Structure formats: structure tokens, C-alpha cells
Amino acid sequence: MGFARAGTPGTGVTAIESGSGTRRRTELVVAATHIVVTTPDTAALAQGALIYTFPPGQIIVHRVYGDVGLEINDATNVADTPEIGLGTAVATGANATLGAAATGIEAENLWGPHVVDGCDTGATAADAFQGISSLEFIMAGAGDHTCYLNCADTWGNGAGTANVVLENDARFTIDWTILPIEGV
């Protein structure tokens, strides 16, 4: 079902929109081998990638469910247990956690942070995280409507830089409502 005011998926992301009226569900599928972060050698780093932009208007995000696994082609970093999350701002800087990233809580305000079991675990039931908040997240009509997949860690002593990629397609289900109030 198409929506006149559906969001826009990021590069390498497929969005499946469903729902009726103002209540929506967006299922995001982020393609396998999508680069989540390019690690430094023995240093902390937080990075992210735009995966979705909500449509204009006041939005309430009710719940996010995610299933994601990470892989790295560097034996030293396989045991790393990075934090991942979804946020309205991209994670940046030499930070080991998403909350400490230059964007702070906005790097994890939609989902997470969750600690991945390792960087070679695959998307299994053990890697599935469901984030449910008793306080729903509200995006102001004139506010930031972006959704970034973010990752942070103090990366191990590898052989220089290495790409952390998605092991399999990552899947995120976002339940949200767009309010019929404009300009709020």
C-alpha cells in the first residue's frame, strides 16, 4: 500500500510501508554487506549511516524492533562487542559508546543502544534486539526526521582499518504515527 506521505529509504535500504490512516508500520531491510563503520587501528570510533527519513509532520515513534548481525574481515576485531543503535543523528567522533558520541543521545534515541555479541555472529536469535520504550519518542513537525544506523566501539589492534559490514540483511520494524497537526 502506498502512502502520499511515506518516508524515504537510504541507499541500499528497502522500505515496506503499511498501516491505515495516521498509524504506520515501516519495515526497513538494510542490504547485507552494507558498511556500518570503517574501524581505526586500536582506537575508539563512532560512525553511522542514514537508513530512513520520515515524512514531514509531527511523528510519534511507538516501538522499534531490530534484527542485525555484524561481520569484520579482521581476526583481531572479531571479538569486539560494539554498541549499535538507531538515532535521529549520525554517531561521530573518537567514542567507544553511542551516548558519548558527538551527537550524544540522538545517536540512540530511536532504538538501543544494544551490545552486539561480536563482529562475526550472524543475524541469529541471539542478535535480535527489541527496543520498547514506555516513553514514546516525538519528532516535532519542524524537527529532524532522519534515522541513522549507528555503531561505536574501541576497536581492537587489527591490521590497519577494516570495514564492519552487516552479516545478513538487517531488518528494522518501526511502528509510528503521523499526527495531522502541521507546523508543530
N, C-alpha and C. Protein backbone atom coordinates (compact mmCIF):
# COMPACT_ATOMS: atom_id res chain seq x y z
N MET A 1 0.85 -1.17 0.00
CA MET A 1 0.00 0.00 0.00
C MET A 1 0.89 1.23 0.00
N GLY A 2 0.66 2.16 -0.92
CA GLY A 2 1.46 3.37 -0.97
C GLY A 2 0.85 4.46 -0.11
N PHE A 3 1.71 5.35 0.36
CA PHE A 3 1.26 6.47 1.18
C PHE A 3 1.72 7.75 0.51
N ALA A 4 0.84 8.74 0.50
CA ALA A 4 1.21 10.03 -0.06
C ALA A 4 2.34 10.66 0.75
N ARG A 5 2.39 10.34 2.05
CA ARG A 5 3.41 10.93 2.91
C ARG A 5 4.28 9.85 3.53
N ALA A 6 4.76 8.94 2.72
CA ALA A 6 5.67 7.90 3.20
C ALA A 6 7.06 8.48 3.33
N GLY A 7 7.92 7.78 4.09
CA GLY A 7 9.30 8.20 4.25
C GLY A 7 10.15 7.78 3.07
N THR A 8 11.44 8.10 3.16
CA THR A 8 12.39 7.81 2.08
C THR A 8 13.50 6.93 2.62
N PRO A 9 13.70 5.72 2.03
CA PRO A 9 14.79 4.86 2.50
C PRO A 9 16.15 5.40 2.04
N GLY A 10 17.19 5.08 2.82
CA GLY A 10 18.55 5.46 2.47
C GLY A 10 19.10 4.53 1.39
N THR A 11 20.32 4.78 0.97
CA THR A 11 20.98 3.98 -0.05
C THR A 11 21.16 2.55 0.45
N GLY A 12 20.78 1.56 -0.37
CA GLY A 12 20.91 0.16 -0.01
C GLY A 12 19.85 -0.32 0.97
N VAL A 13 18.79 0.47 1.14
CA VAL A 13 17.72 0.14 2.09
C VAL A 13 16.40 0.05 1.33
N THR A 14 15.61 -0.98 1.63
CA THR A 14 14.27 -1.13 1.10
C THR A 14 13.29 -0.85 2.22
N ALA A 15 12.27 -0.03 1.93
CA ALA A 15 11.24 0.28 2.93
C ALA A 15 9.91 -0.27 2.47
N ILE A 16 9.25 -1.00 3.36
CA ILE A 16 7.91 -1.53 3.10
C ILE A 16 6.97 -0.83 4.08
N GLU A 17 6.06 -0.01 3.55
CA GLU A 17 5.16 0.79 4.37
C GLU A 17 3.80 0.09 4.44
N SER A 18 3.20 0.08 5.63
CA SER A 18 1.85 -0.46 5.79
C SER A 18 1.13 0.32 6.88
N GLY A 19 -0.16 0.05 7.02
CA GLY A 19 -0.96 0.72 8.02
C GLY A 19 -2.14 1.42 7.38
N SER A 20 -2.90 2.12 8.20
CA SER A 20 -4.04 2.87 7.67
C SER A 20 -4.18 4.17 8.44
N GLY A 21 -4.70 5.17 7.77
CA GLY A 21 -4.86 6.47 8.41
C GLY A 21 -3.52 7.04 8.83
N THR A 22 -3.44 7.44 10.08
CA THR A 22 -2.20 8.05 10.57
C THR A 22 -1.25 7.05 11.19
N ARG A 23 -1.74 5.84 11.49
CA ARG A 23 -0.91 4.81 12.14
C ARG A 23 -0.13 4.06 11.06
N ARG A 24 1.19 3.96 11.23
CA ARG A 24 2.06 3.38 10.20
C ARG A 24 2.97 2.31 10.78
N ARG A 25 3.42 1.43 9.91
CA ARG A 25 4.49 0.49 10.21
C ARG A 25 5.44 0.53 9.02
N THR A 26 6.71 0.75 9.30
CA THR A 26 7.73 0.76 8.26
C THR A 26 8.69 -0.37 8.57
N GLU A 27 8.86 -1.26 7.60
CA GLU A 27 9.84 -2.33 7.71
C GLU A 27 11.02 -1.96 6.81
N LEU A 28 12.18 -1.81 7.44
CA LEU A 28 13.39 -1.46 6.71
C LEU A 28 14.27 -2.68 6.57
N VAL A 29 14.73 -2.94 5.36
CA VAL A 29 15.68 -4.02 5.11
C VAL A 29 16.95 -3.37 4.59
N VAL A 30 18.00 -3.44 5.41
CA VAL A 30 19.29 -2.86 5.04
C VAL A 30 20.12 -3.99 4.42
N ALA A 31 20.56 -3.80 3.19
CA ALA A 31 21.22 -4.86 2.43
C ALA A 31 22.48 -5.38 3.12
N ALA A 32 22.66 -6.70 3.04
CA ALA A 32 23.87 -7.35 3.56
C ALA A 32 25.09 -6.71 2.90
N THR A 33 26.19 -6.73 3.59
CA THR A 33 27.47 -6.14 3.20
C THR A 33 27.45 -4.61 3.24
N HIS A 34 26.37 -4.01 3.75
CA HIS A 34 26.32 -2.57 3.97
C HIS A 34 27.41 -2.22 4.99
N ILE A 35 28.26 -1.24 4.69
CA ILE A 35 29.33 -0.87 5.62
C ILE A 35 28.74 -0.04 6.76
N VAL A 36 28.87 -0.56 7.97
CA VAL A 36 28.35 0.13 9.16
C VAL A 36 29.39 1.10 9.70
N VAL A 37 30.63 0.66 9.73
CA VAL A 37 31.72 1.51 10.23
C VAL A 37 33.03 1.01 9.61
N THR A 38 33.96 1.92 9.38
CA THR A 38 35.32 1.55 8.98
C THR A 38 36.18 1.78 10.21
N THR A 39 36.69 0.69 10.78
CA THR A 39 37.38 0.76 12.06
C THR A 39 38.77 1.38 11.93
N PRO A 40 39.17 2.09 12.96
CA PRO A 40 40.56 2.53 13.05
C PRO A 40 41.38 1.39 13.64
N ASP A 41 42.66 1.57 13.77
CA ASP A 41 43.53 0.56 14.37
C ASP A 41 43.74 0.91 15.84
N THR A 42 43.17 0.10 16.73
CA THR A 42 43.29 0.27 18.18
C THR A 42 42.85 1.66 18.64
N ALA A 43 41.62 1.99 18.36
CA ALA A 43 41.10 3.29 18.78
C ALA A 43 39.58 3.24 18.85
N ALA A 44 39.02 4.17 19.59
CA ALA A 44 37.57 4.29 19.67
C ALA A 44 37.05 5.07 18.47
N LEU A 45 35.89 4.65 17.96
CA LEU A 45 35.28 5.36 16.84
C LEU A 45 33.79 5.07 16.80
N ALA A 46 32.99 6.12 16.60
CA ALA A 46 31.55 6.00 16.39
C ALA A 46 31.24 6.51 15.00
N GLN A 47 30.46 5.72 14.24
CA GLN A 47 30.04 6.11 12.89
C GLN A 47 28.62 5.63 12.65
N GLY A 48 28.02 6.15 11.60
CA GLY A 48 26.67 5.72 11.26
C GLY A 48 26.35 6.01 9.81
N ALA A 49 25.16 5.52 9.39
CA ALA A 49 24.71 5.71 8.02
C ALA A 49 23.21 5.97 8.02
N LEU A 50 22.78 6.88 7.17
CA LEU A 50 21.37 7.21 7.03
C LEU A 50 20.62 6.01 6.43
N ILE A 51 19.58 5.53 7.12
CA ILE A 51 18.81 4.41 6.57
C ILE A 51 17.36 4.79 6.26
N TYR A 52 16.86 5.91 6.81
CA TYR A 52 15.47 6.28 6.55
C TYR A 52 15.25 7.74 6.92
N THR A 53 14.37 8.40 6.18
CA THR A 53 13.93 9.74 6.52
C THR A 53 12.41 9.73 6.59
N PHE A 54 11.88 10.04 7.77
CA PHE A 54 10.43 10.09 7.95
C PHE A 54 9.86 11.26 7.14
N PRO A 55 8.58 11.19 6.78
CA PRO A 55 7.97 12.31 6.04
C PRO A 55 7.81 13.53 6.95
N PRO A 56 7.58 14.70 6.35
CA PRO A 56 7.37 15.90 7.16
C PRO A 56 6.12 15.74 8.04
N GLY A 57 6.12 16.44 9.16
CA GLY A 57 4.98 16.42 10.06
C GLY A 57 5.41 15.96 11.44
N GLN A 58 4.50 16.07 12.39
CA GLN A 58 4.79 15.61 13.74
C GLN A 58 4.63 14.09 13.79
N ILE A 59 5.67 13.40 14.27
CA ILE A 59 5.74 11.94 14.26
C ILE A 59 5.90 11.44 15.69
N ILE A 60 5.17 10.37 16.03
CA ILE A 60 5.40 9.68 17.29
C ILE A 60 5.91 8.28 16.94
N VAL A 61 7.10 7.94 17.39
CA VAL A 61 7.65 6.60 17.20
C VAL A 61 7.27 5.79 18.44
N HIS A 62 6.48 4.73 18.23
CA HIS A 62 5.96 3.94 19.34
C HIS A 62 6.91 2.81 19.74
N ARG A 63 7.46 2.11 18.74
CA ARG A 63 8.24 0.92 19.03
C ARG A 63 9.14 0.63 17.85
N VAL A 64 10.33 0.10 18.15
CA VAL A 64 11.26 -0.34 17.10
C VAL A 64 11.76 -1.72 17.46
N TYR A 65 11.76 -2.61 16.48
CA TYR A 65 12.31 -3.95 16.64
C TYR A 65 13.42 -4.11 15.60
N GLY A 66 14.55 -4.68 16.00
CA GLY A 66 15.64 -4.85 15.05
C GLY A 66 16.27 -6.22 15.12
N ASP A 67 16.75 -6.70 14.00
CA ASP A 67 17.47 -7.96 13.90
C ASP A 67 18.70 -7.69 13.03
N VAL A 68 19.87 -7.74 13.65
CA VAL A 68 21.08 -7.35 12.94
C VAL A 68 22.27 -8.16 13.44
N GLY A 69 23.19 -8.50 12.55
CA GLY A 69 24.45 -9.16 12.90
C GLY A 69 25.58 -8.47 12.17
N LEU A 70 26.76 -8.44 12.78
CA LEU A 70 27.90 -7.75 12.19
C LEU A 70 29.03 -8.72 11.87
N GLU A 71 29.82 -8.37 10.88
CA GLU A 71 30.95 -9.19 10.46
C GLU A 71 32.12 -8.27 10.11
N ILE A 72 33.32 -8.75 10.41
CA ILE A 72 34.53 -7.99 10.06
C ILE A 72 35.58 -8.97 9.56
N ASN A 73 36.32 -8.56 8.55
CA ASN A 73 37.36 -9.41 7.98
C ASN A 73 38.70 -9.06 8.62
N ASP A 74 38.77 -9.20 9.94
CA ASP A 74 39.99 -8.90 10.68
C ASP A 74 39.92 -9.72 11.96
N ALA A 75 40.73 -10.73 12.07
CA ALA A 75 40.65 -11.68 13.19
C ALA A 75 40.74 -11.00 14.55
N THR A 76 41.48 -9.92 14.66
CA THR A 76 41.63 -9.24 15.94
C THR A 76 40.33 -8.60 16.39
N ASN A 77 39.52 -8.12 15.45
CA ASN A 77 38.31 -7.41 15.79
C ASN A 77 37.07 -8.29 15.91
N VAL A 78 37.16 -9.57 15.59
CA VAL A 78 36.01 -10.46 15.65
C VAL A 78 35.40 -10.49 17.05
N ALA A 79 36.22 -10.41 18.08
CA ALA A 79 35.73 -10.47 19.45
C ALA A 79 35.19 -9.13 19.95
N ASP A 80 35.34 -8.06 19.20
CA ASP A 80 34.81 -6.77 19.62
C ASP A 80 33.30 -6.85 19.80
N THR A 81 32.80 -6.12 20.78
CA THR A 81 31.36 -6.11 21.08
C THR A 81 30.86 -4.66 21.01
N PRO A 82 30.67 -4.15 19.80
CA PRO A 82 30.27 -2.75 19.64
C PRO A 82 28.82 -2.51 20.06
N GLU A 83 28.54 -1.25 20.35
CA GLU A 83 27.16 -0.81 20.55
C GLU A 83 26.57 -0.45 19.20
N ILE A 84 25.30 -0.82 19.01
CA ILE A 84 24.57 -0.38 17.83
C ILE A 84 23.27 0.27 18.28
N GLY A 85 22.75 1.13 17.44
CA GLY A 85 21.50 1.79 17.76
C GLY A 85 20.97 2.55 16.56
N LEU A 86 19.74 3.00 16.69
CA LEU A 86 19.13 3.88 15.69
C LEU A 86 18.89 5.21 16.35
N GLY A 87 19.22 6.28 15.63
CA GLY A 87 19.02 7.61 16.19
C GLY A 87 18.72 8.63 15.13
N THR A 88 18.27 9.80 15.57
CA THR A 88 17.95 10.88 14.65
C THR A 88 19.18 11.68 14.23
N ALA A 89 20.36 11.31 14.75
CA ALA A 89 21.61 11.95 14.34
C ALA A 89 22.67 10.88 14.13
N VAL A 90 23.60 11.16 13.25
CA VAL A 90 24.67 10.22 12.96
C VAL A 90 25.70 10.26 14.10
N ALA A 91 26.18 9.08 14.51
CA ALA A 91 27.22 8.98 15.53
C ALA A 91 28.55 9.37 14.90
N THR A 92 29.31 10.17 15.63
CA THR A 92 30.61 10.61 15.12
C THR A 92 31.62 10.70 16.25
N GLY A 93 32.87 10.74 15.87
CA GLY A 93 33.93 11.04 16.82
C GLY A 93 34.64 9.82 17.37
N ALA A 94 35.68 10.08 18.13
CA ALA A 94 36.51 9.04 18.74
C ALA A 94 35.85 8.62 20.05
N ASN A 95 34.74 7.89 19.95
CA ASN A 95 33.94 7.50 21.11
C ASN A 95 33.65 6.01 21.08
N ALA A 96 33.74 5.37 22.25
CA ALA A 96 33.52 3.93 22.36
C ALA A 96 32.06 3.56 22.53
N THR A 97 31.22 4.53 22.88
CA THR A 97 29.79 4.28 23.06
C THR A 97 28.98 5.31 22.28
N LEU A 98 27.74 4.95 21.95
CA LEU A 98 26.90 5.88 21.20
C LEU A 98 26.51 7.09 22.03
N GLY A 99 26.27 6.90 23.32
CA GLY A 99 25.89 8.02 24.17
C GLY A 99 26.99 9.05 24.32
N ALA A 100 28.24 8.63 24.16
CA ALA A 100 29.37 9.56 24.27
C ALA A 100 29.71 10.20 22.94
N ALA A 101 29.07 9.74 21.86
CA ALA A 101 29.36 10.29 20.54
C ALA A 101 29.03 11.78 20.52
N ALA A 102 29.58 12.47 19.56
CA ALA A 102 29.39 13.92 19.48
C ALA A 102 27.92 14.30 19.47
N THR A 103 27.07 13.44 18.95
CA THR A 103 25.63 13.72 18.89
C THR A 103 24.90 13.24 20.14
N GLY A 104 25.60 12.55 21.05
CA GLY A 104 25.02 12.11 22.31
C GLY A 104 23.82 11.20 22.15
N ILE A 105 22.80 11.44 22.95
CA ILE A 105 21.62 10.57 22.98
C ILE A 105 20.91 10.49 21.64
N GLU A 106 21.06 11.50 20.79
CA GLU A 106 20.40 11.48 19.49
C GLU A 106 20.94 10.36 18.59
N ALA A 107 22.08 9.77 18.92
CA ALA A 107 22.63 8.66 18.15
C ALA A 107 21.95 7.33 18.50
N GLU A 108 21.10 7.34 19.56
CA GLU A 108 20.46 6.11 20.02
C GLU A 108 19.04 6.35 20.54
N ASN A 109 18.43 7.47 20.16
CA ASN A 109 17.14 7.82 20.74
C ASN A 109 15.94 7.07 20.15
N LEU A 110 16.12 6.33 19.07
CA LEU A 110 15.02 5.56 18.49
C LEU A 110 15.07 4.08 18.87
N TRP A 111 16.28 3.54 19.06
CA TRP A 111 16.45 2.11 19.36
C TRP A 111 17.85 1.88 19.89
N GLY A 112 17.94 1.29 21.07
CA GLY A 112 19.25 0.97 21.61
C GLY A 112 19.65 1.88 22.75
N PRO A 113 20.91 1.85 23.14
CA PRO A 113 21.97 1.08 22.47
C PRO A 113 21.92 -0.39 22.86
N HIS A 114 22.34 -1.22 21.95
CA HIS A 114 22.43 -2.66 22.18
C HIS A 114 23.87 -3.09 21.94
N VAL A 115 24.35 -4.00 22.74
CA VAL A 115 25.71 -4.51 22.59
C VAL A 115 25.65 -5.79 21.78
N VAL A 116 26.36 -5.81 20.65
CA VAL A 116 26.41 -6.97 19.77
C VAL A 116 27.36 -7.99 20.38
N ASP A 117 27.02 -9.28 20.29
CA ASP A 117 27.83 -10.34 20.88
C ASP A 117 29.24 -10.42 20.30
N GLY A 118 29.42 -9.95 19.11
CA GLY A 118 30.72 -9.98 18.43
C GLY A 118 30.52 -9.53 17.00
N CYS A 119 31.59 -9.47 16.25
CA CYS A 119 31.50 -8.99 14.87
C CYS A 119 31.52 -10.13 13.86
N ASP A 120 31.21 -11.34 14.29
CA ASP A 120 31.15 -12.45 13.34
C ASP A 120 30.07 -13.42 13.81
N THR A 121 28.97 -12.88 14.32
CA THR A 121 27.96 -13.73 14.93
C THR A 121 26.81 -14.07 14.00
N GLY A 122 26.62 -13.31 12.94
CA GLY A 122 25.48 -13.55 12.07
C GLY A 122 24.20 -13.07 12.72
N ALA A 123 23.17 -12.89 11.93
CA ALA A 123 21.88 -12.42 12.45
C ALA A 123 21.08 -13.62 12.94
N THR A 124 21.33 -14.01 14.15
CA THR A 124 20.63 -15.13 14.76
C THR A 124 19.69 -14.62 15.83
N ALA A 125 18.94 -15.51 16.45
CA ALA A 125 18.03 -15.10 17.51
C ALA A 125 18.77 -14.39 18.63
N ALA A 126 20.01 -14.78 18.90
CA ALA A 126 20.79 -14.14 19.97
C ALA A 126 21.14 -12.69 19.62
N ASP A 127 21.11 -12.35 18.33
CA ASP A 127 21.44 -11.00 17.89
C ASP A 127 20.21 -10.11 17.77
N ALA A 128 19.03 -10.67 17.94
CA ALA A 128 17.81 -9.89 17.77
C ALA A 128 17.53 -9.08 19.03
N PHE A 129 17.34 -7.80 18.84
CA PHE A 129 17.06 -6.92 19.95
C PHE A 129 15.73 -6.23 19.69
N GLN A 130 14.93 -6.08 20.70
CA GLN A 130 13.68 -5.35 20.56
C GLN A 130 13.70 -4.21 21.56
N GLY A 131 13.59 -3.01 21.06
CA GLY A 131 13.58 -1.85 21.94
C GLY A 131 12.17 -1.33 22.11
N ILE A 132 11.66 -1.37 23.32
CA ILE A 132 10.33 -0.84 23.61
C ILE A 132 10.50 0.20 24.71
N SER A 133 10.01 1.37 24.46
CA SER A 133 10.14 2.44 25.44
C SER A 133 8.78 2.77 26.03
N SER A 134 8.73 2.97 27.35
CA SER A 134 7.47 3.37 27.96
C SER A 134 7.17 4.83 27.65
N LEU A 135 8.21 5.59 27.27
CA LEU A 135 8.04 6.96 26.82
C LEU A 135 8.25 7.00 25.32
N GLU A 136 7.22 7.29 24.57
CA GLU A 136 7.34 7.30 23.12
C GLU A 136 8.15 8.51 22.67
N PHE A 137 8.84 8.34 21.55
CA PHE A 137 9.68 9.41 21.02
C PHE A 137 8.86 10.28 20.07
N ILE A 138 8.88 11.59 20.27
CA ILE A 138 8.12 12.51 19.44
C ILE A 138 9.08 13.37 18.62
N MET A 139 8.86 13.36 17.30
CA MET A 139 9.62 14.24 16.40
C MET A 139 8.73 15.45 16.10
N ALA A 140 9.20 16.62 16.42
CA ALA A 140 8.45 17.84 16.12
C ALA A 140 8.29 17.99 14.62
N GLY A 141 7.22 18.63 14.21
CA GLY A 141 6.96 18.81 12.77
C GLY A 141 8.11 19.48 12.06
N ALA A 142 8.74 20.44 12.73
CA ALA A 142 9.87 21.15 12.12
C ALA A 142 11.21 20.55 12.55
N GLY A 143 11.18 19.41 13.26
CA GLY A 143 12.40 18.80 13.79
C GLY A 143 13.09 17.87 12.80
N ASP A 144 14.15 17.21 13.28
CA ASP A 144 14.92 16.27 12.48
C ASP A 144 14.13 14.99 12.28
N HIS A 145 13.99 14.54 11.04
CA HIS A 145 13.20 13.35 10.71
C HIS A 145 14.05 12.21 10.17
N THR A 146 15.36 12.23 10.43
CA THR A 146 16.26 11.21 9.91
C THR A 146 16.40 10.05 10.89
N CYS A 147 16.78 8.90 10.34
CA CYS A 147 17.03 7.69 11.13
C CYS A 147 18.35 7.09 10.66
N TYR A 148 19.34 7.06 11.57
CA TYR A 148 20.66 6.54 11.26
C TYR A 148 20.89 5.21 11.98
N LEU A 149 21.56 4.28 11.31
CA LEU A 149 22.07 3.07 11.94
C LEU A 149 23.47 3.42 12.41
N ASN A 150 23.67 3.42 13.73
CA ASN A 150 24.94 3.85 14.32
C ASN A 150 25.66 2.71 15.03
N CYS A 151 26.98 2.83 15.12
CA CYS A 151 27.82 1.81 15.74
C CYS A 151 29.02 2.49 16.41
N ALA A 152 29.40 1.99 17.59
CA ALA A 152 30.55 2.57 18.30
C ALA A 152 31.26 1.48 19.10
N ASP A 153 32.58 1.62 19.23
CA ASP A 153 33.37 0.66 19.99
C ASP A 153 34.80 1.20 20.13
N THR A 154 35.58 0.60 21.02
CA THR A 154 37.02 0.75 20.99
C THR A 154 37.52 -0.47 20.24
N TRP A 155 37.91 -0.26 19.01
CA TRP A 155 38.24 -1.36 18.11
C TRP A 155 39.61 -1.93 18.42
N GLY A 156 39.74 -3.25 18.24
CA GLY A 156 40.98 -3.96 18.57
C GLY A 156 42.14 -3.61 17.67
N ASN A 157 43.29 -4.16 18.02
CA ASN A 157 44.51 -3.92 17.26
C ASN A 157 44.52 -4.81 16.04
N GLY A 158 44.02 -4.29 14.95
CA GLY A 158 43.95 -5.04 13.71
C GLY A 158 45.08 -4.67 12.77
N ALA A 159 44.94 -5.11 11.56
CA ALA A 159 45.95 -4.81 10.55
C ALA A 159 45.53 -3.55 9.79
N GLY A 160 45.51 -2.43 10.49
CA GLY A 160 45.05 -1.19 9.87
C GLY A 160 43.54 -1.10 9.94
N THR A 161 42.96 -0.31 9.04
CA THR A 161 41.50 -0.14 9.04
C THR A 161 40.81 -1.36 8.44
N ALA A 162 39.56 -1.57 8.83
CA ALA A 162 38.75 -2.67 8.30
C ALA A 162 37.29 -2.25 8.31
N ASN A 163 36.52 -2.77 7.38
CA ASN A 163 35.10 -2.45 7.31
C ASN A 163 34.29 -3.43 8.14
N VAL A 164 33.40 -2.90 8.98
CA VAL A 164 32.41 -3.72 9.67
C VAL A 164 31.17 -3.67 8.80
N VAL A 165 30.70 -4.83 8.37
CA VAL A 165 29.55 -4.90 7.47
C VAL A 165 28.43 -5.71 8.12
N LEU A 166 27.25 -5.65 7.55
CA LEU A 166 26.15 -6.47 8.02
C LEU A 166 26.36 -7.89 7.54
N GLU A 167 26.22 -8.85 8.45
CA GLU A 167 26.39 -10.27 8.12
C GLU A 167 25.32 -10.73 7.14
N ASN A 168 24.09 -10.39 7.43
CA ASN A 168 22.94 -10.68 6.59
C ASN A 168 22.16 -9.39 6.46
N ASP A 169 21.06 -9.41 5.71
CA ASP A 169 20.22 -8.22 5.69
C ASP A 169 19.80 -7.88 7.12
N ALA A 170 19.93 -6.64 7.50
CA ALA A 170 19.41 -6.19 8.79
C ALA A 170 17.97 -5.78 8.59
N ARG A 171 17.14 -6.06 9.59
CA ARG A 171 15.72 -5.73 9.50
C ARG A 171 15.30 -4.92 10.71
N PHE A 172 14.61 -3.82 10.44
CA PHE A 172 14.08 -2.97 11.49
C PHE A 172 12.61 -2.73 11.20
N THR A 173 11.77 -2.90 12.22
CA THR A 173 10.35 -2.61 12.10
C THR A 173 10.05 -1.44 13.02
N ILE A 174 9.52 -0.38 12.44
CA ILE A 174 9.23 0.84 13.20
C ILE A 174 7.72 1.08 13.16
N ASP A 175 7.09 1.09 14.34
CA ASP A 175 5.67 1.44 14.46
C ASP A 175 5.59 2.91 14.83
N TRP A 176 4.85 3.69 14.03
CA TRP A 176 4.81 5.13 14.25
C TRP A 176 3.49 5.72 13.81
N THR A 177 3.23 6.92 14.28
CA THR A 177 2.02 7.66 13.92
C THR A 177 2.43 9.04 13.42
N ILE A 178 1.79 9.47 12.33
CA ILE A 178 1.97 10.84 11.87
C ILE A 178 0.72 11.60 12.29
N LEU A 179 0.92 12.68 13.02
CA LEU A 179 -0.21 13.46 13.53
C LEU A 179 -0.68 14.46 12.47
N PRO A 180 -1.97 14.69 12.41
CA PRO A 180 -2.49 15.62 11.40
C PRO A 180 -2.30 17.09 11.77
N ILE A 181 -1.40 17.35 12.70
CA ILE A 181 -1.13 18.73 13.13
C ILE A 181 0.11 19.22 12.40
N GLU A 182 -0.01 20.23 11.61
CA GLU A 182 1.12 20.74 10.83
C GLU A 182 1.87 21.82 11.60
N GLY A 183 3.15 21.94 11.34
CA GLY A 183 3.96 23.03 11.86
C GLY A 183 4.25 22.97 13.34
N VAL A 184 4.03 21.84 14.00
CA VAL A 184 4.27 21.73 15.43
C VAL A 184 5.67 21.24 15.67
